[in-house]
């Protein structure tokens, strides 16, 4: 496979080979890519004879319960460790580690494998490639560097990350390498039809109800170029929904013809407002997110702000309008 930027696979590989005990961390509000990356790494490291523990500071979404080994995730409680190596996967910055940050002081070495272009390179060893369409692409490449063979279970993990972070292979970052990896996965009895149904077609009743709330209050700004959605804590309670049920709702904001950007603001229950931002290429939204303390990818980013839902939605919307107007003047 071709090298794109400068992912430091060799240094990560050396650290893994030297380590006996390894903690693998996923980001808060976990999605298919971070969980697919972590569960794949667990299987890879176990094949190498390592002692592995998975950590995440949030509930694992029910829809991803099929991932091999996902039931072994633990929330850090202060009693774990020490570890020879801490490996963060698909975690764009330190804040996204949540309580997993406390594990850093318990590790002899820290490393990360990530694909966010906004990553500030916060570990001892940083293998970051901001052009990779999914973090599981980098896990596949690291696996090759380690000389571990592909198995059906690893294929399930890698497919989960690869498909979810490319919007079921529809986002602009999807490239020829994406499908080259998919070809490999299919050769290892990947249950594509079953997993695709779970990940992209099957929705729980609370999620459907929450989608109805989000679409019922959708509005458009900037002559229809920006779709705006918001959800309150009451919306979640009324629908019997959890935070995980809102993860993909933002994508519906881009489905109206003529929209170029979308935002979803939702009350998180801890006094903060969490934002999901999306853009259609060639528009990009990561710089808007960064300017407000967030980050992510050019067409998919996130922000967490303090304030009321209405006030913060308006603040983010105005930044997006300014971005669109600035692009028009170029």
Protein backbone atom coordinates (compact mmCIF):
# COMPACT_ATOMS: atom_id res chain seq x y z
CA UNK A 1 0.00 0.00 0.00
CA UNK A 2 1.18 3.51 -0.78
CA UNK A 3 2.38 6.00 1.82
CA UNK A 4 0.37 9.24 1.85
CA UNK A 5 1.77 11.50 4.54
CA UNK A 6 4.06 10.33 7.32
CA UNK A 7 2.31 7.78 9.53
CA UNK A 8 4.94 6.44 11.91
CA UNK A 9 4.10 2.76 11.60
CA UNK A 10 7.65 1.58 12.30
CA UNK A 11 7.92 3.43 15.62
CA UNK A 12 4.48 2.18 16.73
CA UNK A 13 5.45 -1.34 15.68
CA UNK A 14 8.67 -1.19 17.68
CA UNK A 15 6.82 0.02 20.78
CA UNK A 16 4.27 -2.77 20.44
CA UNK A 17 6.93 -5.45 20.03
CA UNK A 18 8.73 -4.27 23.18
CA UNK A 19 5.56 -4.09 25.29
CA UNK A 20 3.95 -6.95 27.16
CA UNK A 21 0.95 -5.15 28.69
CA UNK A 22 -0.96 -2.73 26.45
CA UNK A 23 -3.96 -0.47 27.07
CA UNK A 24 -5.93 0.45 23.93
CA UNK A 25 -8.19 3.51 24.21
CA UNK A 26 -11.17 4.68 22.15
CA UNK A 27 -12.60 8.20 22.16
CA UNK A 28 -15.60 9.48 24.10
CA UNK A 29 -18.98 9.08 22.42
CA UNK A 30 -17.50 6.14 20.50
CA UNK A 31 -18.35 5.43 16.88
CA UNK A 32 -17.71 2.57 14.49
CA UNK A 33 -14.22 3.69 13.50
CA UNK A 34 -12.75 4.07 16.98
CA UNK A 35 -14.39 0.85 18.21
CA UNK A 36 -13.50 -1.06 15.04
CA UNK A 37 -9.92 0.17 15.39
CA UNK A 38 -9.70 -0.84 19.05
CA UNK A 39 -11.28 -4.28 18.69
CA UNK A 40 -9.11 -5.01 15.64
CA UNK A 41 -5.99 -3.97 17.57
CA UNK A 42 -7.02 -6.20 20.46
CA UNK A 43 -7.13 -9.22 18.16
CA UNK A 44 -3.86 -8.22 16.47
CA UNK A 45 -2.07 -7.79 19.80
CA UNK A 46 -3.49 -11.01 21.23
CA UNK A 47 -2.17 -12.84 18.15
CA UNK A 48 1.26 -11.46 19.10
CA UNK A 49 0.92 -12.79 22.66
CA UNK A 50 0.32 -9.41 24.31
CA UNK A 51 -1.86 -8.74 27.37
CA UNK A 52 -4.47 -6.27 26.15
CA UNK A 53 -7.18 -4.22 27.83
CA UNK A 54 -9.66 -1.98 26.01
CA UNK A 55 -10.82 1.29 27.58
CA UNK A 56 -13.48 3.86 26.74
CA UNK A 57 -15.04 6.61 28.84
CA UNK A 58 -18.56 6.14 27.46
CA UNK A 59 -21.22 3.53 26.84
CA UNK A 60 -20.66 1.32 23.81
CA UNK A 61 -23.57 1.78 21.34
CA UNK A 62 -25.89 -1.21 21.28
CA UNK A 63 -25.78 -1.36 17.48
CA UNK A 64 -22.04 -2.13 17.65
CA UNK A 65 -22.38 -5.00 20.12
CA UNK A 66 -21.54 -7.46 17.32
CA UNK A 67 -17.87 -6.39 17.28
CA UNK A 68 -15.61 -9.23 18.47
CA UNK A 69 -14.34 -8.42 21.97
CA UNK A 70 -16.37 -5.23 22.38
CA UNK A 71 -17.74 -6.60 25.67
CA UNK A 72 -14.24 -6.40 27.18
CA UNK A 73 -14.18 -2.57 27.20
CA UNK A 74 -13.78 -0.99 30.64
CA UNK A 75 -14.23 2.54 31.93
CA UNK A 76 -11.04 3.68 33.72
CA UNK A 77 -11.61 3.76 37.47
CA UNK A 78 -8.09 4.45 38.75
CA UNK A 79 -7.35 0.87 39.76
CA UNK A 80 -5.98 -0.32 36.41
CA UNK A 81 -2.38 -0.58 35.28
CA UNK A 82 0.46 -0.14 35.10
CA UNK A 83 0.95 -0.77 31.37
CA UNK A 84 4.03 -0.95 29.20
CA UNK A 85 2.20 0.90 26.42
CA UNK A 86 -0.92 3.01 26.01
CA UNK A 87 -2.24 3.09 22.45
CA UNK A 88 -4.93 5.62 21.49
CA UNK A 89 -6.86 4.87 18.29
CA UNK A 90 -8.91 7.42 16.31
CA UNK A 91 -8.62 10.03 19.10
CA UNK A 92 -8.12 13.47 17.55
CA UNK A 93 -6.95 15.26 20.72
CA UNK A 94 -6.42 14.76 24.44
CA UNK A 95 -9.87 16.05 25.38
CA UNK A 96 -11.47 13.23 23.36
CA UNK A 97 -9.85 10.67 25.67
CA UNK A 98 -12.11 11.55 28.60
CA UNK A 99 -11.16 9.58 31.70
CA UNK A 100 -8.72 7.53 29.63
CA UNK A 101 -6.31 10.46 30.12
CA UNK A 102 -5.56 9.12 33.60
CA UNK A 103 -3.99 6.05 32.00
CA UNK A 104 -1.20 8.11 30.45
CA UNK A 105 0.59 8.39 33.78
CA UNK A 106 0.37 4.63 34.22
CA UNK A 107 2.05 3.79 30.92
CA UNK A 108 5.75 3.47 30.27
CA UNK A 109 5.20 4.68 26.69
CA UNK A 110 2.30 6.29 24.85
CA UNK A 111 1.42 6.10 21.17
CA UNK A 112 -1.47 6.88 18.88
CA UNK A 113 -2.82 5.87 15.47
CA UNK A 114 -5.14 8.55 14.10
CA UNK A 115 -6.45 10.03 10.87
CA UNK A 116 -7.70 13.48 11.91
CA UNK A 117 -5.88 16.34 10.16
CA UNK A 118 -6.44 18.55 13.24
CA UNK A 119 -4.51 16.13 15.52
CA UNK A 120 -1.93 18.07 17.63
CA UNK A 121 0.38 15.02 18.00
CA UNK A 122 -0.04 14.66 21.75
CA UNK A 123 1.55 11.25 22.44
CA UNK A 124 5.17 10.06 22.70
CA UNK A 125 4.78 8.33 19.33
CA UNK A 126 2.35 9.81 16.82
CA UNK A 127 1.31 7.87 13.74
CA UNK A 128 -1.11 10.33 12.16
CA UNK A 129 -2.29 10.45 8.56
CA UNK A 130 -4.92 13.12 8.00
CA UNK A 131 -5.63 11.91 4.46
CA UNK A 132 -6.75 8.40 5.41
CA UNK A 133 -10.53 8.04 4.87
CA UNK A 134 -10.90 5.99 8.07
CA UNK A 135 -8.70 5.11 11.00
CA UNK A 136 -9.20 1.44 10.23
CA UNK A 137 -7.17 2.00 7.04
CA UNK A 138 -4.21 2.84 9.28
CA UNK A 139 -4.93 -0.16 11.51
CA UNK A 140 -4.81 -2.38 8.42
CA UNK A 141 -1.46 -0.87 7.46
CA UNK A 142 -0.10 -1.24 11.00
CA UNK A 143 -1.23 -4.84 10.96
CA UNK A 144 0.84 -5.46 7.84
CA UNK A 145 3.86 -3.83 9.48
CA UNK A 146 3.43 -6.18 12.46
CA UNK A 147 3.12 -9.21 10.19
CA UNK A 148 -0.22 -10.36 11.61
CA UNK A 149 -2.53 -12.25 9.21
CA UNK A 150 -6.05 -11.11 8.45
CA UNK A 151 -8.88 -13.17 9.98
CA UNK A 152 -12.67 -13.07 9.71
CA UNK A 153 -13.04 -11.39 13.10
CA UNK A 154 -10.46 -8.74 12.29
CA UNK A 155 -12.19 -8.22 8.93
CA UNK A 156 -15.47 -7.52 10.78
CA UNK A 157 -13.75 -4.91 12.93
CA UNK A 158 -12.01 -3.22 10.02
CA UNK A 159 -15.14 -3.16 7.87
CA UNK A 160 -17.08 -1.49 10.67
CA UNK A 161 -14.63 1.41 10.87
CA UNK A 162 -14.05 1.64 7.15
CA UNK A 163 -17.73 1.72 6.21
CA UNK A 164 -19.01 4.00 8.96
CA UNK A 165 -16.34 6.67 8.57
CA UNK A 166 -16.81 6.81 4.79
CA UNK A 167 -20.60 7.07 4.98
CA UNK A 168 -20.99 3.57 3.57
CA UNK A 169 -18.33 4.40 0.95
CA UNK A 170 -20.01 7.62 -0.20
CA UNK A 171 -17.87 10.42 1.33
CA UNK A 172 -15.38 12.28 -0.83
CA UNK A 173 -12.38 10.85 1.05
CA UNK A 174 -13.29 7.34 -0.19
CA UNK A 175 -10.56 6.24 -2.59
CA UNK A 176 -9.20 3.26 -4.50
CA UNK A 177 -7.31 2.00 -1.44
CA UNK A 178 -10.61 1.87 0.46
CA UNK A 179 -11.97 -0.66 -2.02
CA UNK A 180 -8.67 -2.52 -2.18
CA UNK A 181 -8.97 -3.16 1.55
CA UNK A 182 -12.62 -4.12 1.13
CA UNK A 183 -11.59 -6.70 -1.46
CA UNK A 184 -9.22 -8.23 1.11
CA UNK A 185 -11.93 -8.28 3.75
CA UNK A 186 -14.39 -10.00 1.43
CA UNK A 187 -11.84 -12.76 0.84
CA UNK A 188 -12.06 -13.58 4.56
CA UNK A 189 -15.78 -14.41 4.73
CA UNK A 190 -16.91 -10.92 5.75
CA UNK A 191 -20.72 -11.13 6.41
CA UNK A 192 -21.33 -7.96 4.39
CA UNK A 193 -25.10 -8.16 3.98
CA UNK A 194 -25.75 -8.75 7.68
CA UNK A 195 -23.38 -6.02 8.89
CA UNK A 196 -24.56 -3.50 6.31
CA UNK A 197 -28.14 -4.00 7.47
CA UNK A 198 -27.19 -3.44 11.11
CA UNK A 199 -25.03 -0.40 10.44
CA UNK A 200 -26.97 1.45 7.75
CA UNK A 201 -30.56 0.21 7.38
CA UNK A 202 -31.73 -0.96 10.78
CA UNK A 203 -32.72 1.69 13.36
CA UNK A 204 -34.11 1.31 16.86
CA UNK A 205 -37.49 2.81 17.69
CA UNK A 206 -35.96 5.53 19.94
CA UNK A 207 -33.64 6.52 17.10
CA UNK A 208 -36.53 6.77 14.63
CA UNK A 209 -38.52 8.89 17.09
CA UNK A 210 -35.53 11.16 17.68
CA UNK A 211 -35.01 11.54 13.93
CA UNK A 212 -38.62 12.67 13.69
CA UNK A 213 -37.98 15.37 16.30
CA UNK A 214 -34.84 16.56 14.51
CA UNK A 215 -36.51 16.72 11.10
CA UNK A 216 -39.67 18.32 12.49
CA UNK A 217 -37.70 21.40 13.61
CA UNK A 218 -35.21 21.58 10.75
CA UNK A 219 -34.73 25.05 9.29
CA UNK A 220 -32.58 26.46 6.54
CA UNK A 221 -30.29 29.45 6.49
CA UNK A 222 -28.23 31.30 3.89
CA UNK A 223 -30.82 30.78 1.13
CA UNK A 224 -31.12 27.09 1.90
CA UNK A 225 -27.39 26.38 1.81
CA UNK A 226 -27.20 25.48 5.52
CA UNK A 227 -29.51 23.03 7.31
CA UNK A 228 -29.95 23.62 11.03
CA UNK A 229 -31.26 21.04 13.52
CA UNK A 230 -31.35 20.96 17.30
CA UNK A 231 -32.41 18.56 20.04
CA UNK A 232 -33.18 19.26 23.68
CA UNK A 233 -32.80 17.01 26.70
CA UNK A 234 -36.58 16.77 26.71
CA UNK A 235 -36.52 15.45 23.14
CA UNK A 236 -34.25 12.61 24.28
CA UNK A 237 -36.47 11.85 27.28
CA UNK A 238 -39.68 11.91 25.25
CA UNK A 239 -38.21 9.53 22.67
CA UNK A 240 -36.55 7.23 25.20
CA UNK A 241 -33.32 7.94 23.30
CA UNK A 242 -29.66 7.92 24.31
CA UNK A 243 -26.79 10.05 23.08
CA UNK A 244 -25.75 7.31 20.66
CA UNK A 245 -29.10 7.57 18.86
CA UNK A 246 -28.20 11.08 17.65
CA UNK A 247 -24.85 10.17 16.12
CA UNK A 248 -25.93 9.87 12.47
CA UNK A 249 -28.89 12.27 12.42
CA UNK A 250 -26.73 15.14 11.16
CA UNK A 251 -26.34 13.38 7.81
CA UNK A 252 -30.04 13.94 7.06
CA UNK A 253 -29.36 17.67 7.12
CA UNK A 254 -27.32 17.39 3.93
CA UNK A 255 -29.92 15.42 2.02
CA UNK A 256 -31.98 18.43 0.95
CA UNK A 257 -31.04 19.53 -2.56
CA UNK A 258 -29.09 22.77 -2.45
CA UNK A 259 -27.67 22.38 1.05
CA UNK A 260 -23.89 22.66 1.36
CA UNK A 261 -23.47 22.53 5.14
CA UNK A 262 -25.43 21.20 8.11
CA UNK A 263 -25.30 21.51 11.87
CA UNK A 264 -26.95 19.61 14.69
CA UNK A 265 -26.81 21.05 18.19
CA UNK A 266 -27.99 18.95 21.13
CA UNK A 267 -28.13 19.38 24.87
CA UNK A 268 -25.73 16.85 26.37
CA UNK A 269 -27.17 16.75 29.89
CA UNK A 270 -23.97 17.99 31.52
CA UNK A 271 -24.51 21.68 30.86
CA UNK A 272 -22.80 21.63 27.49
CA UNK A 273 -24.07 21.68 23.91
CA UNK A 274 -22.55 19.19 21.51
CA UNK A 275 -22.41 20.03 17.81
CA UNK A 276 -22.04 17.82 14.77
CA UNK A 277 -21.04 19.71 11.63
CA UNK A 278 -21.09 18.41 8.07
CA UNK A 279 -20.26 19.84 4.65
CA UNK A 280 -20.47 18.73 1.05
CA UNK A 281 -17.18 18.83 -0.83
CA UNK A 282 -15.61 21.19 -1.86
CA UNK A 283 -16.91 23.07 1.19
CA UNK A 284 -15.13 22.23 4.43
CA UNK A 285 -16.07 22.72 8.05
CA UNK A 286 -13.03 21.68 10.11
CA UNK A 287 -11.63 25.22 10.27
CA UNK A 288 -14.93 26.49 11.69
CA UNK A 289 -14.81 23.75 14.32
CA UNK A 290 -11.19 24.50 15.19
CA UNK A 291 -11.92 28.20 15.62
CA UNK A 292 -14.44 27.27 18.32
CA UNK A 293 -12.32 24.71 20.15
CA UNK A 294 -13.39 21.63 18.21
CA UNK A 295 -11.90 19.67 15.35
CA UNK A 296 -12.27 16.75 13.00
CA UNK A 297 -12.26 16.26 9.25
CA UNK A 298 -12.81 18.73 6.40
CA UNK A 299 -16.39 17.53 5.84
CA UNK A 300 -17.20 16.13 9.30
CA UNK A 301 -16.30 17.86 12.56
CA UNK A 302 -17.54 18.41 16.08
CA UNK A 303 -17.61 21.06 18.81
CA UNK A 304 -18.60 21.16 22.47
CA UNK A 305 -19.70 24.57 23.79
CA UNK A 306 -21.05 25.99 27.02
CA UNK A 307 -24.22 28.08 26.93
CA UNK A 308 -27.87 27.67 26.01
CA UNK A 309 -28.94 25.61 23.03
CA UNK A 310 -30.42 28.54 21.11
CA UNK A 311 -27.49 30.87 21.78
CA UNK A 312 -24.79 28.38 20.83
CA UNK A 313 -26.66 27.20 17.72
CA UNK A 314 -26.83 30.81 16.54
CA UNK A 315 -23.13 31.32 17.28
CA UNK A 316 -22.10 28.27 15.26
CA UNK A 317 -24.52 29.12 12.46
CA UNK A 318 -23.10 32.63 12.09
CA UNK A 319 -19.57 31.18 11.85
CA UNK A 320 -20.75 28.83 9.10
CA UNK A 321 -22.49 31.65 7.23
CA UNK A 322 -19.31 33.72 7.44
CA UNK A 323 -17.35 30.79 6.06
CA UNK A 324 -19.74 30.35 3.12
CA UNK A 325 -19.75 34.05 2.33
CA UNK A 326 -15.95 34.15 2.50
CA UNK A 327 -15.73 31.24 0.07
CA UNK A 328 -18.08 33.05 -2.31
CA UNK A 329 -15.76 36.07 -2.39
CA UNK A 330 -12.73 33.99 -3.40
